PDB file of all heavy atoms in Angstrom:
ATOM      1  N   MET A   1       0.854  -1.182   0.000  1.00  0.00           N
ATOM      2  CA  MET A   1       0.000   0.000   0.000  1.00  0.00           C
ATOM      3  C   MET A   1       0.895   1.240   0.000  1.00  0.00           C
ATOM      4  O   MET A   1       1.902   1.299   0.703  1.00  0.00           O
ATOM      5  CB  MET A   1      -0.944  -0.008   1.194  1.00  0.00           C
ATOM      6  CG  MET A   1      -1.903  -1.196   1.137  1.00  0.00           C
ATOM      7  SD  MET A   1      -3.345  -1.028   2.187  1.00  0.00           S
ATOM      8  CE  MET A   1      -4.362   0.059   1.200  1.00  0.00           C
ATOM      9  N   THR A   2       0.520   2.205  -0.827  1.00  0.00           N
ATOM     10  CA  THR A   2       1.304   3.420  -0.977  1.00  0.00           C
ATOM     11  C   THR A   2       0.459   4.633  -0.601  1.00  0.00           C
ATOM     12  O   THR A   2      -0.743   4.533  -0.415  1.00  0.00           O
ATOM     13  CB  THR A   2       1.815   3.553  -2.420  1.00  0.00           C
ATOM     14  OG1 THR A   2       0.701   3.571  -3.305  1.00  0.00           O
ATOM     15  CG2 THR A   2       2.750   2.411  -2.784  1.00  0.00           C
ATOM     16  N   GLY A   3       1.124   5.774  -0.504  1.00  0.00           N
ATOM     17  CA  GLY A   3       0.456   7.012  -0.146  1.00  0.00           C
ATOM     18  C   GLY A   3       1.107   7.680   1.047  1.00  0.00           C
ATOM     19  O   GLY A   3       0.760   8.793   1.417  1.00  0.00           O
ATOM     20  N   ALA A   4       2.063   7.003   1.655  1.00  0.00           N
ATOM     21  CA  ALA A   4       2.865   7.555   2.750  1.00  0.00           C
ATOM     22  C   ALA A   4       4.295   7.687   2.225  1.00  0.00           C
ATOM     23  O   ALA A   4       4.607   7.171   1.159  1.00  0.00           O
ATOM     24  CB  ALA A   4       2.809   6.614   3.960  1.00  0.00           C
ATOM     25  N   PRO A   5       5.172   8.357   2.953  1.00  0.00           N
ATOM     26  CA  PRO A   5       6.557   8.496   2.487  1.00  0.00           C
ATOM     27  C   PRO A   5       7.292   7.158   2.302  1.00  0.00           C
ATOM     28  O   PRO A   5       8.279   7.098   1.594  1.00  0.00           O
ATOM     29  CB  PRO A   5       7.223   9.334   3.577  1.00  0.00           C
ATOM     30  CG  PRO A   5       6.103  10.114   4.170  1.00  0.00           C
ATOM     31  CD  PRO A   5       4.919   9.180   4.137  1.00  0.00           C
ATOM     32  N   VAL A   6       6.820   6.094   2.954  1.00  0.00           N
ATOM     33  CA  VAL A   6       7.378   4.753   2.777  1.00  0.00           C
ATOM     34  C   VAL A   6       6.226   3.790   2.511  1.00  0.00           C
ATOM     35  O   VAL A   6       5.107   4.014   2.991  1.00  0.00           O
ATOM     36  CB  VAL A   6       8.197   4.287   4.009  1.00  0.00           C
ATOM     37  CG1 VAL A   6       9.387   5.193   4.249  1.00  0.00           C
ATOM     38  CG2 VAL A   6       7.339   4.216   5.242  1.00  0.00           C
ATOM     39  N   PRO A   7       6.480   2.725   1.753  1.00  0.00           N
ATOM     40  CA  PRO A   7       5.392   1.787   1.486  1.00  0.00           C
ATOM     41  C   PRO A   7       5.058   0.935   2.705  1.00  0.00           C
ATOM     42  O   PRO A   7       5.925   0.631   3.522  1.00  0.00           O
ATOM     43  CB  PRO A   7       5.935   0.919   0.342  1.00  0.00           C
ATOM     44  CG  PRO A   7       7.415   1.045   0.427  1.00  0.00           C
ATOM     45  CD  PRO A   7       7.703   2.381   1.042  1.00  0.00           C
ATOM     46  N   PHE A   8       3.795   0.571   2.799  1.00  0.00           N
ATOM     47  CA  PHE A   8       3.309  -0.350   3.828  1.00  0.00           C
ATOM     48  C   PHE A   8       3.083  -1.693   3.148  1.00  0.00           C
ATOM     49  O   PHE A   8       2.503  -1.745   2.064  1.00  0.00           O
ATOM     50  CB  PHE A   8       1.951   0.110   4.370  1.00  0.00           C
ATOM     51  CG  PHE A   8       1.973   1.251   5.329  1.00  0.00           C
ATOM     52  CD1 PHE A   8       2.685   2.412   5.081  1.00  0.00           C
ATOM     53  CD2 PHE A   8       1.235   1.172   6.497  1.00  0.00           C
ATOM     54  CE1 PHE A   8       2.671   3.473   5.966  1.00  0.00           C
ATOM     55  CE2 PHE A   8       1.213   2.230   7.395  1.00  0.00           C
ATOM     56  CZ  PHE A   8       1.934   3.385   7.133  1.00  0.00           C
ATOM     57  N   TYR A   9       3.501  -2.767   3.773  1.00  0.00           N
ATOM     58  CA  TYR A   9       3.238  -4.112   3.267  1.00  0.00           C
ATOM     59  C   TYR A   9       2.376  -4.830   4.287  1.00  0.00           C
ATOM     60  O   TYR A   9       2.794  -5.046   5.422  1.00  0.00           O
ATOM     61  CB  TYR A   9       4.546  -4.875   3.030  1.00  0.00           C
ATOM     62  CG  TYR A   9       5.321  -4.289   1.878  1.00  0.00           C
ATOM     63  CD1 TYR A   9       6.224  -3.257   2.079  1.00  0.00           C
ATOM     64  CD2 TYR A   9       5.105  -4.743   0.581  1.00  0.00           C
ATOM     65  CE1 TYR A   9       6.914  -2.702   1.016  1.00  0.00           C
ATOM     66  CE2 TYR A   9       5.790  -4.180  -0.491  1.00  0.00           C
ATOM     67  CZ  TYR A   9       6.691  -3.168  -0.262  1.00  0.00           C
ATOM     68  OH  TYR A   9       7.369  -2.607  -1.317  1.00  0.00           O
ATOM     69  N   LEU A  10       1.172  -5.164   3.889  1.00  0.00           N
ATOM     70  CA  LEU A  10       0.276  -5.943   4.733  1.00  0.00           C
ATOM     71  C   LEU A  10       0.540  -7.406   4.425  1.00  0.00           C
ATOM     72  O   LEU A  10       0.445  -7.832   3.260  1.00  0.00           O
ATOM     73  CB  LEU A  10      -1.179  -5.582   4.447  1.00  0.00           C
ATOM     74  CG  LEU A  10      -1.522  -4.091   4.593  1.00  0.00           C
ATOM     75  CD1 LEU A  10      -2.980  -3.850   4.231  1.00  0.00           C
ATOM     76  CD2 LEU A  10      -1.207  -3.590   5.983  1.00  0.00           C
ATOM     77  N   LEU A  11       0.896  -8.174   5.439  1.00  0.00           N
ATOM     78  CA  LEU A  11       1.277  -9.569   5.268  1.00  0.00           C
ATOM     79  C   LEU A  11       0.284 -10.459   6.000  1.00  0.00           C
ATOM     80  O   LEU A  11       0.138 -10.350   7.223  1.00  0.00           O
ATOM     81  CB  LEU A  11       2.684  -9.797   5.820  1.00  0.00           C
ATOM     82  CG  LEU A  11       3.769  -8.854   5.276  1.00  0.00           C
ATOM     83  CD1 LEU A  11       5.075  -9.078   6.009  1.00  0.00           C
ATOM     84  CD2 LEU A  11       3.918  -9.018   3.774  1.00  0.00           C
ATOM     85  N   ARG A  12      -0.414 -11.315   5.247  1.00  0.00           N
ATOM     86  CA  ARG A  12      -1.404 -12.197   5.867  1.00  0.00           C
ATOM     87  C   ARG A  12      -0.680 -13.317   6.597  1.00  0.00           C
ATOM     88  O   ARG A  12       0.057 -14.091   6.007  1.00  0.00           O
ATOM     89  CB  ARG A  12      -2.359 -12.777   4.834  1.00  0.00           C
ATOM     90  CG  ARG A  12      -3.535 -13.527   5.483  1.00  0.00           C
ATOM     91  CD  ARG A  12      -4.485 -14.086   4.464  1.00  0.00           C
ATOM     92  NE  ARG A  12      -3.855 -14.995   3.521  1.00  0.00           N
ATOM     93  CZ  ARG A  12      -3.482 -16.238   3.799  1.00  0.00           C
ATOM     94  NH1 ARG A  12      -3.646 -16.737   5.010  1.00  0.00           N
ATOM     95  NH2 ARG A  12      -2.931 -16.986   2.866  1.00  0.00           N
ATOM     96  N   LYS A  13      -0.891 -13.351   7.889  1.00  0.00           N
ATOM     97  CA  LYS A  13      -0.317 -14.383   8.762  1.00  0.00           C
ATOM     98  C   LYS A  13      -1.439 -14.849   9.682  1.00  0.00           C
ATOM     99  O   LYS A  13      -2.071 -14.045  10.373  1.00  0.00           O
ATOM    100  CB  LYS A  13       0.830 -13.827   9.620  1.00  0.00           C
ATOM    101  CG  LYS A  13       1.936 -13.139   8.830  1.00  0.00           C
ATOM    102  CD  LYS A  13       2.804 -14.129   8.117  1.00  0.00           C
ATOM    103  CE  LYS A  13       3.957 -13.403   7.420  1.00  0.00           C
ATOM    104  NZ  LYS A  13       4.867 -14.313   6.779  1.00  0.00           N
ATOM    105  N   GLU A  14      -1.680 -16.134   9.700  1.00  0.00           N
ATOM    106  CA  GLU A  14      -2.769 -16.681  10.512  1.00  0.00           C
ATOM    107  C   GLU A  14      -2.523 -16.467  12.000  1.00  0.00           C
ATOM    108  O   GLU A  14      -1.381 -16.590  12.465  1.00  0.00           O
ATOM    109  CB  GLU A  14      -2.930 -18.181  10.235  1.00  0.00           C
ATOM    110  CG  GLU A  14      -3.365 -18.511   8.826  1.00  0.00           C
ATOM    111  CD  GLU A  14      -4.741 -17.978   8.484  1.00  0.00           C
ATOM    112  OE1 GLU A  14      -5.632 -17.963   9.356  1.00  0.00           O
ATOM    113  OE2 GLU A  14      -4.926 -17.557   7.323  1.00  0.00           O
ATOM    114  N   ALA A  15      -3.597 -16.174  12.721  1.00  0.00           N
ATOM    115  CA  ALA A  15      -3.505 -16.134  14.176  1.00  0.00           C
ATOM    116  C   ALA A  15      -3.060 -17.512  14.648  1.00  0.00           C
ATOM    117  O   ALA A  15      -3.486 -18.531  14.108  1.00  0.00           O
ATOM    118  CB  ALA A  15      -4.860 -15.764  14.783  1.00  0.00           C
ATOM    119  N   GLY A  16      -2.156 -17.543  15.613  1.00  0.00           N
ATOM    120  CA  GLY A  16      -1.632 -18.793  16.133  1.00  0.00           C
ATOM    121  C   GLY A  16      -0.398 -19.292  15.404  1.00  0.00           C
ATOM    122  O   GLY A  16       0.281 -20.198  15.893  1.00  0.00           O
ATOM    123  N   SER A  17      -0.085 -18.714  14.227  1.00  0.00           N
ATOM    124  CA  SER A  17       1.123 -19.138  13.517  1.00  0.00           C
ATOM    125  C   SER A  17       2.351 -18.636  14.267  1.00  0.00           C
ATOM    126  O   SER A  17       2.273 -17.717  15.078  1.00  0.00           O
ATOM    127  CB  SER A  17       1.102 -18.652  12.067  1.00  0.00           C
ATOM    128  OG  SER A  17       1.102 -17.241  12.002  1.00  0.00           O
ATOM    129  N   GLU A  18       3.499 -19.245  13.968  1.00  0.00           N
ATOM    130  CA  GLU A  18       4.709 -18.897  14.705  1.00  0.00           C
ATOM    131  C   GLU A  18       5.194 -17.500  14.352  1.00  0.00           C
ATOM    132  O   GLU A  18       5.314 -17.137  13.188  1.00  0.00           O
ATOM    133  CB  GLU A  18       5.829 -19.897  14.429  1.00  0.00           C
ATOM    134  CG  GLU A  18       7.036 -19.645  15.304  1.00  0.00           C
ATOM    135  CD  GLU A  18       8.110 -20.703  15.169  1.00  0.00           C
ATOM    136  OE1 GLU A  18       7.816 -21.804  14.710  1.00  0.00           O
ATOM    137  OE2 GLU A  18       9.257 -20.392  15.538  1.00  0.00           O
ATOM    138  N   GLY A  19       5.443 -16.705  15.382  1.00  0.00           N
ATOM    139  CA  GLY A  19       5.986 -15.366  15.221  1.00  0.00           C
ATOM    140  C   GLY A  19       7.447 -15.363  15.638  1.00  0.00           C
ATOM    141  O   GLY A  19       8.147 -16.374  15.532  1.00  0.00           O
ATOM    142  N   ALA A  20       7.907 -14.255  16.148  1.00  0.00           N
ATOM    143  CA  ALA A  20       9.307 -14.106  16.549  1.00  0.00           C
ATOM    144  C   ALA A  20       9.612 -14.930  17.798  1.00  0.00           C
ATOM    145  O   ALA A  20       8.777 -15.052  18.698  1.00  0.00           O
ATOM    146  CB  ALA A  20       9.613 -12.635  16.812  1.00  0.00           C
ATOM    147  N   ALA A  21      10.812 -15.473  17.829  1.00  0.00           N
ATOM    148  CA  ALA A  21      11.341 -16.181  19.000  1.00  0.00           C
ATOM    149  C   ALA A  21      10.403 -17.288  19.492  1.00  0.00           C
ATOM    150  O   ALA A  21      10.279 -17.525  20.684  1.00  0.00           O
ATOM    151  CB  ALA A  21      11.649 -15.189  20.128  1.00  0.00           C
ATOM    152  N   GLY A  22       9.722 -17.941  18.543  1.00  0.00           N
ATOM    153  CA  GLY A  22       8.860 -19.062  18.898  1.00  0.00           C
ATOM    154  C   GLY A  22       7.515 -18.688  19.488  1.00  0.00           C
ATOM    155  O   GLY A  22       6.737 -19.564  19.863  1.00  0.00           O
ATOM    156  N   SER A  23       7.219 -17.409  19.576  1.00  0.00           N
ATOM    157  CA  SER A  23       5.906 -17.006  20.095  1.00  0.00           C
ATOM    158  C   SER A  23       4.863 -17.188  19.002  1.00  0.00           C
ATOM    159  O   SER A  23       5.174 -17.275  17.825  1.00  0.00           O
ATOM    160  CB  SER A  23       5.933 -15.557  20.569  1.00  0.00           C
ATOM    161  OG  SER A  23       6.189 -14.699  19.470  1.00  0.00           O
ATOM    162  N   SER A  24       3.601 -17.256  19.401  1.00  0.00           N
ATOM    163  CA  SER A  24       2.548 -17.384  18.392  1.00  0.00           C
ATOM    164  C   SER A  24       1.857 -16.039  18.207  1.00  0.00           C
ATOM    165  O   SER A  24       1.704 -15.263  19.146  1.00  0.00           O
ATOM    166  CB  SER A  24       1.546 -18.470  18.788  1.00  0.00           C
ATOM    167  OG  SER A  24       0.912 -18.143  19.988  1.00  0.00           O
ATOM    168  N   ARG A  25       1.459 -15.795  16.959  1.00  0.00           N
ATOM    169  CA  ARG A  25       0.794 -14.529  16.632  1.00  0.00           C
ATOM    170  C   ARG A  25      -0.605 -14.502  17.228  1.00  0.00           C
ATOM    171  O   ARG A  25      -1.318 -15.494  17.206  1.00  0.00           O
ATOM    172  CB  ARG A  25       0.665 -14.370  15.126  1.00  0.00           C
ATOM    173  CG  ARG A  25       1.932 -14.013  14.440  1.00  0.00           C
ATOM    174  CD  ARG A  25       1.678 -13.805  12.937  1.00  0.00           C
ATOM    175  NE  ARG A  25       2.907 -13.436  12.297  1.00  0.00           N
ATOM    176  CZ  ARG A  25       3.837 -14.306  11.903  1.00  0.00           C
ATOM    177  NH1 ARG A  25       3.654 -15.597  12.071  1.00  0.00           N
ATOM    178  NH2 ARG A  25       4.950 -13.879  11.347  1.00  0.00           N
ATOM    179  N   ASN A  26      -0.968 -13.334  17.721  1.00  0.00           N
ATOM    180  CA  ASN A  26      -2.371 -13.091  18.075  1.00  0.00           C
ATOM    181  C   ASN A  26      -2.668 -11.655  17.678  1.00  0.00           C
ATOM    182  O   ASN A  26      -1.767 -10.829  17.551  1.00  0.00           O
ATOM    183  CB  ASN A  26      -2.643 -13.355  19.561  1.00  0.00           C
ATOM    184  CG  ASN A  26      -2.093 -12.277  20.457  1.00  0.00           C
ATOM    185  OD1 ASN A  26      -2.606 -11.160  20.483  1.00  0.00           O
ATOM    186  ND2 ASN A  26      -1.031 -12.599  21.181  1.00  0.00           N
ATOM    187  N   TYR A  27      -3.914 -11.389  17.451  1.00  0.00           N
ATOM    188  CA  TYR A  27      -4.298 -10.057  16.988  1.00  0.00           C
ATOM    189  C   TYR A  27      -5.153  -9.325  18.008  1.00  0.00           C
ATOM    190  O   TYR A  27      -5.878  -8.411  17.687  1.00  0.00           O
ATOM    191  CB  TYR A  27      -4.976 -10.168  15.609  1.00  0.00           C
ATOM    192  CG  TYR A  27      -3.965 -10.627  14.571  1.00  0.00           C
ATOM    193  CD1 TYR A  27      -3.928 -11.933  14.134  1.00  0.00           C
ATOM    194  CD2 TYR A  27      -2.995  -9.745  14.109  1.00  0.00           C
ATOM    195  CE1 TYR A  27      -2.965 -12.348  13.223  1.00  0.00           C
ATOM    196  CE2 TYR A  27      -2.030 -10.141  13.204  1.00  0.00           C
ATOM    197  CZ  TYR A  27      -2.025 -11.461  12.765  1.00  0.00           C
ATOM    198  OH  TYR A  27      -1.065 -11.856  11.880  1.00  0.00           O
ATOM    199  N   ARG A  28      -4.988  -9.713  19.278  1.00  0.00           N
ATOM    200  CA  ARG A  28      -5.551  -8.905  20.361  1.00  0.00           C
ATOM    201  C   ARG A  28      -4.621  -7.717  20.542  1.00  0.00           C
ATOM    202  O   ARG A  28      -3.490  -7.715  20.080  1.00  0.00           O
ATOM    203  CB  ARG A  28      -5.613  -9.725  21.655  1.00  0.00           C
ATOM    204  CG  ARG A  28      -6.559 -10.912  21.577  1.00  0.00           C
ATOM    205  CD  ARG A  28      -6.596 -11.684  22.894  1.00  0.00           C
ATOM    206  NE  ARG A  28      -5.289 -12.065  23.405  1.00  0.00           N
ATOM    207  CZ  ARG A  28      -4.652 -13.197  23.094  1.00  0.00           C
ATOM    208  NH1 ARG A  28      -5.175 -14.052  22.251  1.00  0.00           N
ATOM    209  NH2 ARG A  28      -3.476 -13.458  23.633  1.00  0.00           N
ATOM    210  N   ARG A  29      -5.060  -6.709  21.241  1.00  0.00           N
ATOM    211  CA  ARG A  29      -4.205  -5.541  21.490  1.00  0.00           C
ATOM    212  C   ARG A  29      -2.964  -6.010  22.224  1.00  0.00           C
ATOM    213  O   ARG A  29      -3.034  -6.758  23.192  1.00  0.00           O
ATOM    214  CB  ARG A  29      -4.968  -4.487  22.308  1.00  0.00           C
ATOM    215  CG  ARG A  29      -4.156  -3.237  22.607  1.00  0.00           C
ATOM    216  CD  ARG A  29      -3.798  -2.482  21.327  1.00  0.00           C
ATOM    217  NE  ARG A  29      -3.145  -1.226  21.619  1.00  0.00           N
ATOM    218  CZ  ARG A  29      -1.861  -0.966  21.365  1.00  0.00           C
ATOM    219  NH1 ARG A  29      -1.087  -1.875  20.806  1.00  0.00           N
ATOM    220  NH2 ARG A  29      -1.359   0.222  21.657  1.00  0.00           N
ATOM    221  N   HIS A  30      -1.811  -5.606  21.715  1.00  0.00           N
ATOM    222  CA  HIS A  30      -0.540  -5.988  22.304  1.00  0.00           C
ATOM    223  C   HIS A  30       0.355  -4.756  22.384  1.00  0.00           C
ATOM    224  O   HIS A  30       0.146  -3.774  21.697  1.00  0.00           O
ATOM    225  CB  HIS A  30       0.131  -7.095  21.488  1.00  0.00           C
ATOM    226  CG  HIS A  30       0.258  -6.757  20.032  1.00  0.00           C
ATOM    227  ND1 HIS A  30      -0.757  -6.998  19.133  1.00  0.00           N
ATOM    228  CD2 HIS A  30       1.238  -6.170  19.325  1.00  0.00           C
ATOM    229  CE1 HIS A  30      -0.372  -6.583  17.921  1.00  0.00           C
ATOM    230  NE2 HIS A  30       0.822  -6.074  18.029  1.00  0.00           N
ATOM    231  N   TRP A  31       1.330  -4.847  23.231  1.00  0.00           N
ATOM    232  CA  TRP A  31       2.244  -3.732  23.427  1.00  0.00           C
ATOM    233  C   TRP A  31       3.569  -4.064  22.767  1.00  0.00           C
ATOM    234  O   TRP A  31       4.039  -5.198  22.783  1.00  0.00           O
ATOM    235  CB  TRP A  31       2.472  -3.463  24.907  1.00  0.00           C
ATOM    236  CG  TRP A  31       3.403  -2.326  25.134  1.00  0.00           C
ATOM    237  CD1 TRP A  31       3.071  -1.007  25.161  1.00  0.00           C
ATOM    238  CD2 TRP A  31       4.814  -2.377  25.321  1.00  0.00           C
ATOM    239  NE1 TRP A  31       4.201  -0.242  25.365  1.00  0.00           N
ATOM    240  CE2 TRP A  31       5.290  -1.067  25.457  1.00  0.00           C
ATOM    241  CE3 TRP A  31       5.729  -3.419  25.381  1.00  0.00           C
ATOM    242  CZ2 TRP A  31       6.620  -0.758  25.661  1.00  0.00           C
ATOM    243  CZ3 TRP A  31       7.063  -3.119  25.575  1.00  0.00           C
ATOM    244  CH2 TRP A  31       7.497  -1.786  25.725  1.00  0.00           C
ATOM    245  N   SER A  32       4.177  -3.083  22.187  1.00  0.00           N
ATOM    246  CA  SER A  32       5.509  -3.212  21.613  1.00  0.00           C
ATOM    247  C   SER A  32       6.255  -1.905  21.884  1.00  0.00           C
ATOM    248  O   SER A  32       5.657  -0.837  21.836  1.00  0.00           O
ATOM    249  CB  SER A  32       5.418  -3.441  20.103  1.00  0.00           C
ATOM    250  OG  SER A  32       6.691  -3.332  19.507  1.00  0.00           O
ATOM    251  N   PRO A  33       7.553  -1.986  22.133  1.00  0.00           N
ATOM    252  CA  PRO A  33       8.299  -0.748  22.328  1.00  0.00           C
ATOM    253  C   PRO A  33       8.480   0.023  21.017  1.00  0.00           C
ATOM    254  O   PRO A  33       8.931   1.151  21.028  1.00  0.00           O
ATOM    255  CB  PRO A  33       9.640  -1.210  22.896  1.00  0.00           C
ATOM    256  CG  PRO A  33       9.764  -2.628  22.438  1.00  0.00           C
ATOM    257  CD  PRO A  33       8.370  -3.168  22.353  1.00  0.00           C
ATOM    258  N   ILE A  34       8.096  -0.576  19.904  1.00  0.00           N
ATOM    259  CA  ILE A  34       8.162   0.112  18.613  1.00  0.00           C
ATOM    260  C   ILE A  34       6.735   0.310  18.119  1.00  0.00           C
ATOM    261  O   ILE A  34       5.936  -0.618  18.098  1.00  0.00           O
ATOM    262  CB  ILE A  34       8.953  -0.706  17.581  1.00  0.00           C
ATOM    263  CG1 ILE A  34      10.401  -0.879  18.042  1.00  0.00           C
ATOM    264  CG2 ILE A  34       8.882  -0.053  16.207  1.00  0.00           C
ATOM    265  CD1 ILE A  34      11.212  -1.791  17.168  1.00  0.00           C
ATOM    266  N   HIS A  35       6.420   1.537  17.763  1.00  0.00           N
ATOM    267  CA  HIS A  35       5.120   1.815  17.160  1.00  0.00           C
ATOM    268  C   HIS A  35       5.329   2.895  16.104  1.00  0.00           C
ATOM    269  O   HIS A  35       6.402   3.480  16.004  1.00  0.00           O
ATOM    270  CB  HIS A  35       4.077   2.235  18.203  1.00  0.00           C
ATOM    271  CG  HIS A  35       4.363   3.571  18.811  1.00  0.00           C
ATOM    272  ND1 HIS A  35       5.202   3.742  19.875  1.00  0.00           N
ATOM    273  CD2 HIS A  35       3.942   4.811  18.466  1.00  0.00           C
ATOM    274  CE1 HIS A  35       5.278   5.023  20.176  1.00  0.00           C
ATOM    275  NE2 HIS A  35       4.533   5.702  19.333  1.00  0.00           N
ATOM    276  N   LEU A  36       4.304   3.141  15.327  1.00  0.00           N
ATOM    277  CA  LEU A  36       4.405   4.120  14.255  1.00  0.00           C
ATOM    278  C   LEU A  36       3.568   5.344  14.569  1.00  0.00           C
ATOM    279  O   LEU A  36       2.456   5.230  15.079  1.00  0.00           O
ATOM    280  CB  LEU A  36       3.950   3.500  12.935  1.00  0.00           C
ATOM    281  CG  LEU A  36       4.787   2.309  12.475  1.00  0.00           C
ATOM    282  CD1 LEU A  36       4.181   1.700  11.232  1.00  0.00           C
ATOM    283  CD2 LEU A  36       6.219   2.719  12.228  1.00  0.00           C
ATOM    284  N   ASP A  37       4.116   6.504  14.259  1.00  0.00           N
ATOM    285  CA  ASP A  37       3.414   7.772  14.379  1.00  0.00           C
ATOM    286  C   ASP A  37       3.113   8.281  12.972  1.00  0.00           C
ATOM    287  O   ASP A  37       4.003   8.291  12.124  1.00  0.00           O
ATOM    288  CB  ASP A  37       4.274   8.823  15.091  1.00  0.00           C
ATOM    289  CG  ASP A  37       4.558   8.500  16.543  1.00  0.00           C
ATOM    290  OD1 ASP A  37       3.877   7.627  17.110  1.00  0.00           O
ATOM    291  OD2 ASP A  37       5.448   9.128  17.124  1.00  0.00           O
ATOM    292  N   LEU A  38       1.897   8.708  12.762  1.00  0.00           N
ATOM    293  CA  LEU A  38       1.522   9.326  11.495  1.00  0.00           C
ATOM    294  C   LEU A  38       1.320  10.809  11.738  1.00  0.00           C
ATOM    295  O   LEU A  38       0.489  11.200  12.559  1.00  0.00           O
ATOM    296  CB  LEU A  38       0.242   8.716  10.936  1.00  0.00           C
ATOM    297  CG  LEU A  38       0.317   7.239  10.561  1.00  0.00           C
ATOM    298  CD1 LEU A  38      -1.047   6.743  10.108  1.00  0.00           C
ATOM    299  CD2 LEU A  38       1.346   7.017   9.478  1.00  0.00           C
ATOM    300  N   VAL A  39       2.088  11.632  11.041  1.00  0.00           N
ATOM    301  CA  VAL A  39       1.961  13.078  11.163  1.00  0.00           C
ATOM    302  C   VAL A  39       0.875  13.527  10.193  1.00  0.00           C
ATOM    303  O   VAL A  39       0.925  13.215   9.001  1.00  0.00           O
ATOM    304  CB  VAL A  39       3.295  13.783  10.861  1.00  0.00           C
ATOM    305  CG1 VAL A  39       3.136  15.297  10.946  1.00  0.00           C
ATOM    306  CG2 VAL A  39       4.379  13.296  11.823  1.00  0.00           C
ATOM    307  N   VAL A  40      -0.112  14.226  10.724  1.00  0.00           N
ATOM    308  CA  VAL A  40      -1.260  14.667   9.933  1.00  0.00           C
ATOM    309  C   VAL A  40      -1.409  16.179  10.045  1.00  0.00           C
ATOM    310  O   VAL A  40      -0.932  16.796  10.992  1.00  0.00           O
ATOM    311  CB  VAL A  40      -2.558  13.961  10.396  1.00  0.00           C
ATOM    312  CG1 VAL A  40      -2.438  12.444  10.202  1.00  0.00           C
ATOM    313  CG2 VAL A  40      -2.881  14.280  11.850  1.00  0.00           C
ATOM    314  N   GLU A  41      -2.075  16.772   9.075  1.00  0.00           N
ATOM    315  CA  GLU A  41      -2.322  18.214   9.088  1.00  0.00           C
ATOM    316  C   GLU A  41      -3.435  18.588  10.059  1.00  0.00           C
ATOM    317  O   GLU A  41      -3.374  19.621  10.709  1.00  0.00           O
ATOM    318  CB  GLU A  41      -2.689  18.699   7.680  1.00  0.00           C
ATOM    319  CG  GLU A  41      -1.551  18.629   6.691  1.00  0.00           C
ATOM    320  CD  GLU A  41      -0.434  19.599   7.014  1.00  0.00           C
ATOM    321  OE1 GLU A  41      -0.720  20.739   7.426  1.00  0.00           O
ATOM    322  OE2 GLU A  41       0.738  19.201   6.875  1.00  0.00           O
ATOM    323  N   ASP A  42      -4.476  17.739  10.140  1.00  0.00           N
ATOM    324  CA  ASP A  42      -5.656  18.027  10.948  1.00  0.00           C
ATOM    325  C   ASP A  42      -5.953  16.803  11.804  1.00  0.00           C
ATOM    326  O   ASP A  42      -6.517  15.817  11.317  1.00  0.00           O
ATOM    327  CB  ASP A  42      -6.837  18.366  10.029  1.00  0.00           C
ATOM    328  CG  ASP A  42      -8.110  18.698  10.769  1.00  0.00           C
ATOM    329  OD1 ASP A  42      -8.279  18.300  11.944  1.00  0.00           O
ATOM    330  OD2 ASP A  42      -8.975  19.348  10.159  1.00  0.00           O
ATOM    331  N   LEU A  43      -5.544  16.837  13.069  1.00  0.00           N
ATOM    332  CA  LEU A  43      -5.693  15.690  13.953  1.00  0.00           C
ATOM    333  C   LEU A  43      -7.152  15.289  14.123  1.00  0.00           C
ATOM    334  O   LEU A  43      -7.473  14.098  14.107  1.00  0.00           O
ATOM    335  CB  LEU A  43      -5.060  15.984  15.313  1.00  0.00           C
ATOM    336  CG  LEU A  43      -5.080  14.811  16.287  1.00  0.00           C
ATOM    337  CD1 LEU A  43      -4.105  13.739  15.852  1.00  0.00           C
ATOM    338  CD2 LEU A  43      -4.760  15.269  17.686  1.00  0.00           C
TER     339      LEU A  43
END
């Protein structure tokens, strides 16, 4: 997907499939020390 200064790649990965370091993916709200900020003209 384009329209931002860098492209976004949406990757289909099943819930429960293996993620990083042997953990399983889930799509409940999760915390990460890395997140993205979108700068907008009109918040």
